[in-house]
C-alpha atoms as a PDB file:
ATOM      1  CA  UNK A   1       1.955  22.080   8.865  1.00  0.00           C
ATOM      2  CA  UNK A   2      -1.448  21.311  10.381  1.00  0.00           C
ATOM      3  CA  UNK A   3      -3.599  18.256   9.705  1.00  0.00           C
ATOM      4  CA  UNK A   4      -5.711  20.165   7.175  1.00  0.00           C
ATOM      5  CA  UNK A   5      -2.613  21.316   5.291  1.00  0.00           C
ATOM      6  CA  UNK A   6      -1.170  17.799   5.213  1.00  0.00           C
ATOM      7  CA  UNK A   7      -4.400  16.351   3.829  1.00  0.00           C
ATOM      8  CA  UNK A   8      -4.631  19.106   1.213  1.00  0.00           C
ATOM      9  CA  UNK A   9      -1.061  18.354   0.133  1.00  0.00           C
ATOM     10  CA  UNK A  10      -1.885  14.642  -0.119  1.00  0.00           C
ATOM     11  CA  UNK A  11      -5.077  15.355  -2.078  1.00  0.00           C
ATOM     12  CA  UNK A  12      -3.096  17.586  -4.446  1.00  0.00           C
ATOM     13  CA  UNK A  13      -0.556  14.809  -5.013  1.00  0.00           C
ATOM     14  CA  UNK A  14      -3.354  12.303  -5.723  1.00  0.00           C
ATOM     15  CA  UNK A  15      -5.105  14.675  -8.127  1.00  0.00           C
ATOM     16  CA  UNK A  16      -1.848  15.266 -10.015  1.00  0.00           C
ATOM     17  CA  UNK A  17      -1.225  11.513 -10.150  1.00  0.00           C
ATOM     18  CA  UNK A  18      -4.736  10.956 -11.573  1.00  0.00           C
ATOM     19  CA  UNK A  19      -4.123  13.595 -14.226  1.00  0.00           C
ATOM     20  CA  UNK A  20      -0.785  12.051 -15.263  1.00  0.00           C
ATOM     21  CA  UNK A  21      -2.251   8.539 -15.432  1.00  0.00           C
ATOM     22  CA  UNK A  22      -5.408   9.697 -17.254  1.00  0.00           C
ATOM     23  CA  UNK A  23      -7.625   8.457 -14.443  1.00  0.00           C
ATOM     24  CA  UNK A  24     -10.828  10.107 -13.328  1.00  0.00           C
ATOM     25  CA  UNK A  25     -10.244  11.825  -9.996  1.00  0.00           C
ATOM     26  CA  UNK A  26     -10.436   8.806  -7.755  1.00  0.00           C
ATOM     27  CA  UNK A  27      -9.276  10.050  -4.368  1.00  0.00           C
ATOM     28  CA  UNK A  28     -12.119   9.829  -1.879  1.00  0.00           C
ATOM     29  CA  UNK A  29     -11.894  11.295   1.593  1.00  0.00           C
ATOM     30  CA  UNK A  30     -12.988   8.617   4.061  1.00  0.00           C
ATOM     31  CA  UNK A  31     -12.873  10.542   7.302  1.00  0.00           C
ATOM     32  CA  UNK A  32     -10.892  13.382   8.757  1.00  0.00           C
ATOM     33  CA  UNK A  33      -7.576  11.546   8.396  1.00  0.00           C
ATOM     34  CA  UNK A  34      -7.583   9.354   5.301  1.00  0.00           C
ATOM     35  CA  UNK A  35      -8.202   8.997   1.565  1.00  0.00           C
ATOM     36  CA  UNK A  36      -8.891   5.921  -0.508  1.00  0.00           C
ATOM     37  CA  UNK A  37      -7.589   5.802  -4.048  1.00  0.00           C
ATOM     38  CA  UNK A  38      -8.893   3.282  -6.613  1.00  0.00           C
ATOM     39  CA  UNK A  39      -5.926   2.747  -8.870  1.00  0.00           C
ATOM     40  CA  UNK A  40      -7.395  -0.062 -10.955  1.00  0.00           C
ATOM     41  CA  UNK A  41     -10.376  -2.396 -10.803  1.00  0.00           C
ATOM     42  CA  UNK A  42      -9.201  -4.408  -7.822  1.00  0.00           C
ATOM     43  CA  UNK A  43      -6.511  -2.150  -6.414  1.00  0.00           C
ATOM     44  CA  UNK A  44      -7.472   0.344  -3.743  1.00  0.00           C
ATOM     45  CA  UNK A  45      -4.726   2.164  -1.882  1.00  0.00           C
ATOM     46  CA  UNK A  46      -5.469   3.932   1.394  1.00  0.00           C
ATOM     47  CA  UNK A  47      -3.548   6.991   2.516  1.00  0.00           C
ATOM     48  CA  UNK A  48      -3.752   7.968   6.187  1.00  0.00           C
ATOM     49  CA  UNK A  49      -2.364  10.881   8.164  1.00  0.00           C
ATOM     50  CA  UNK A  50      -0.062   9.377  10.801  1.00  0.00           C
ATOM     51  CA  UNK A  51       1.169  12.672  12.249  1.00  0.00           C
ATOM     52  CA  UNK A  52       4.009  12.638  11.584  1.00  0.00           C
ATOM     53  CA  UNK A  53       4.018  11.109   8.148  1.00  0.00           C
ATOM     54  CA  UNK A  54       1.608   9.438   5.790  1.00  0.00           C
ATOM     55  CA  UNK A  55       0.773   5.750   5.553  1.00  0.00           C
ATOM     56  CA  UNK A  56       0.147   4.082   2.205  1.00  0.00           C
ATOM     57  CA  UNK A  57      -1.703   0.761   2.659  1.00  0.00           C
ATOM     58  CA  UNK A  58      -3.407  -1.819   0.427  1.00  0.00           C
ATOM     59  CA  UNK A  59      -4.822  -5.320   0.721  1.00  0.00           C
ATOM     60  CA  UNK A  60      -2.673  -7.941  -0.973  1.00  0.00           C
ATOM     61  CA  UNK A  61      -5.284 -10.692  -0.726  1.00  0.00           C
ATOM     62  CA  UNK A  62      -7.268 -12.781   1.721  1.00  0.00           C
ATOM     63  CA  UNK A  63      -4.904 -14.632   4.014  1.00  0.00           C
ATOM     64  CA  UNK A  64      -4.635 -18.274   2.929  1.00  0.00           C
ATOM     65  CA  UNK A  65      -5.642 -20.859   5.494  1.00  0.00           C
ATOM     66  CA  UNK A  66      -3.527 -23.752   4.212  1.00  0.00           C
ATOM     67  CA  UNK A  67       0.178 -23.688   5.062  1.00  0.00           C
ATOM     68  CA  UNK A  68      -0.323 -20.386   6.861  1.00  0.00           C
ATOM     69  CA  UNK A  69       2.747 -20.747   9.077  1.00  0.00           C
ATOM     70  CA  UNK A  70       4.968 -21.518   6.067  1.00  0.00           C
ATOM     71  CA  UNK A  71       3.630 -18.431   4.309  1.00  0.00           C
ATOM     72  CA  UNK A  72       4.222 -16.256   7.378  1.00  0.00           C
ATOM     73  CA  UNK A  73       7.845 -17.410   7.566  1.00  0.00           C
ATOM     74  CA  UNK A  74       8.290 -16.523   3.888  1.00  0.00           C
ATOM     75  CA  UNK A  75       6.690 -13.111   4.447  1.00  0.00           C
ATOM     76  CA  UNK A  76       8.842 -12.413   7.517  1.00  0.00           C
ATOM     77  CA  UNK A  77      11.920 -13.005   5.384  1.00  0.00           C
ATOM     78  CA  UNK A  78      10.576 -10.521   2.820  1.00  0.00           C
ATOM     79  CA  UNK A  79       9.977  -7.980   5.593  1.00  0.00           C
ATOM     80  CA  UNK A  80      13.512  -8.368   6.937  1.00  0.00           C
ATOM     81  CA  UNK A  81      15.134  -4.972   6.336  1.00  0.00           C
ATOM     82  CA  UNK A  82      12.444  -4.306   3.708  1.00  0.00           C
ATOM     83  CA  UNK A  83      14.483  -6.188   1.120  1.00  0.00           C
ATOM     84  CA  UNK A  84      11.574  -8.057  -0.455  1.00  0.00           C
ATOM     85  CA  UNK A  85       9.074  -5.238  -0.076  1.00  0.00           C
ATOM     86  CA  UNK A  86      10.869  -2.086  -1.159  1.00  0.00           C
ATOM     87  CA  UNK A  87      10.835  -0.768   2.394  1.00  0.00           C
ATOM     88  CA  UNK A  88       7.136  -1.518   2.890  1.00  0.00           C
ATOM     89  CA  UNK A  89       5.807  -4.067   5.379  1.00  0.00           C
ATOM     90  CA  UNK A  90       3.578  -7.072   4.880  1.00  0.00           C
ATOM     91  CA  UNK A  91       1.171  -7.720   7.726  1.00  0.00           C
ATOM     92  CA  UNK A  92      -2.398  -8.616   8.603  1.00  0.00           C
ATOM     93  CA  UNK A  93      -5.399  -6.325   8.841  1.00  0.00           C
ATOM     94  CA  UNK A  94      -6.996  -5.778  12.237  1.00  0.00           C
ATOM     95  CA  UNK A  95      -9.334  -8.764  11.756  1.00  0.00           C
ATOM     96  CA  UNK A  96      -6.471 -11.046  10.627  1.00  0.00           C
ATOM     97  CA  UNK A  97      -8.339 -11.952   7.432  1.00  0.00           C
ATOM     98  CA  UNK A  98      -6.295 -10.080   4.813  1.00  0.00           C
ATOM     99  CA  UNK A  99      -2.615  -9.701   4.083  1.00  0.00           C
ATOM    100  CA  UNK A 100      -1.723  -6.035   3.722  1.00  0.00           C
ATOM    101  CA  UNK A 101       1.190  -4.036   2.395  1.00  0.00           C
ATOM    102  CA  UNK A 102       1.925  -0.728   4.115  1.00  0.00           C
ATOM    103  CA  UNK A 103       4.535   1.968   3.709  1.00  0.00           C
ATOM    104  CA  UNK A 104       5.274   5.012   5.818  1.00  0.00           C
ATOM    105  CA  UNK A 105       6.213   8.225   4.000  1.00  0.00           C
ATOM    106  CA  UNK A 106       7.507  11.519   5.387  1.00  0.00           C
ATOM    107  CA  UNK A 107       5.544  14.743   4.934  1.00  0.00           C
ATOM    108  CA  UNK A 108       8.590  16.546   3.626  1.00  0.00           C
ATOM    109  CA  UNK A 109       8.306  14.994   0.203  1.00  0.00           C
ATOM    110  CA  UNK A 110       8.198  16.460  -3.287  1.00  0.00           C
ATOM    111  CA  UNK A 111       5.633  15.174  -5.768  1.00  0.00           C
ATOM    112  CA  UNK A 112       8.197  13.254  -7.862  1.00  0.00           C
ATOM    113  CA  UNK A 113       9.347  11.317  -4.787  1.00  0.00           C
ATOM    114  CA  UNK A 114       5.716  10.623  -3.851  1.00  0.00           C
ATOM    115  CA  UNK A 115       4.949   9.361  -7.364  1.00  0.00           C
ATOM    116  CA  UNK A 116       8.045   7.135  -7.356  1.00  0.00           C
ATOM    117  CA  UNK A 117       7.128   5.694  -3.954  1.00  0.00           C
ATOM    118  CA  UNK A 118       3.566   5.046  -5.166  1.00  0.00           C
ATOM    119  CA  UNK A 119       4.763   3.281  -8.326  1.00  0.00           C
ATOM    120  CA  UNK A 120       7.192   1.105  -6.374  1.00  0.00           C
ATOM    121  CA  UNK A 121       4.492   0.345  -3.805  1.00  0.00           C
ATOM    122  CA  UNK A 122       2.025  -0.775  -6.508  1.00  0.00           C
ATOM    123  CA  UNK A 123       4.732  -2.884  -8.196  1.00  0.00           C
ATOM    124  CA  UNK A 124       5.419  -4.692  -4.917  1.00  0.00           C
ATOM    125  CA  UNK A 125       1.690  -5.091  -4.323  1.00  0.00           C
ATOM    126  CA  UNK A 126       1.254  -6.769  -7.723  1.00  0.00           C
ATOM    127  CA  UNK A 127       4.309  -8.965  -7.117  1.00  0.00           C
ATOM    128  CA  UNK A 128       3.062 -10.161  -3.712  1.00  0.00           C
ATOM    129  CA  UNK A 129      -0.426 -10.854  -5.031  1.00  0.00           C
ATOM    130  CA  UNK A 130       1.128 -13.169  -7.620  1.00  0.00           C
ATOM    131  CA  UNK A 131       3.539 -14.695  -5.134  1.00  0.00           C
ATOM    132  CA  UNK A 132       0.800 -15.553  -2.618  1.00  0.00           C
ATOM    133  CA  UNK A 133      -1.379 -16.961  -5.420  1.00  0.00           C
ATOM    134  CA  UNK A 134       1.503 -19.264  -6.426  1.00  0.00           C
ATOM    135  CA  UNK A 135       1.953 -20.243  -2.795  1.00  0.00           C
ATOM    136  CA  UNK A 136      -1.742 -21.179  -2.544  1.00  0.00           C
ATOM    137  CA  UNK A 137      -1.367 -23.430  -5.596  1.00  0.00           C
ATOM    138  CA  UNK A 138       1.567 -25.141  -3.879  1.00  0.00           C
ATOM    139  CA  UNK A 139       3.966 -23.759  -6.450  1.00  0.00           C
ATOM    140  CA  UNK A 140       7.440 -22.747  -5.369  1.00  0.00           C
ATOM    141  CA  UNK A 141       7.589 -19.360  -3.680  1.00  0.00           C
END
């Protein structure tokens, strides 16, 4: 499958997801290789063609400055074998200002598997946003 076919498949999946969730078509093509998808007011998920595969990525939050090393240790434990992230990875954006959650998906995927992966991804995104917020307030993580 060529790059155009992969992006059309991804766009079709996103359009079907919008229809099922009663959302206005929200997938926006950013460039030749990616889409952004506004899932809710503050949640934007990016989908990029990795060839092979598709990346699903979102910003968790701005990276806290206080106790940064302690937070990174906690996040590395969550990343270990994907146990705390559902197979996704927590990292930093290219400017090291935001914590991100990213997940690689294969192309050979049916819509139901894509939808399940998206739902799990968003659930982990919401969880980690709350967890980092608690960490910033010096609450137990």
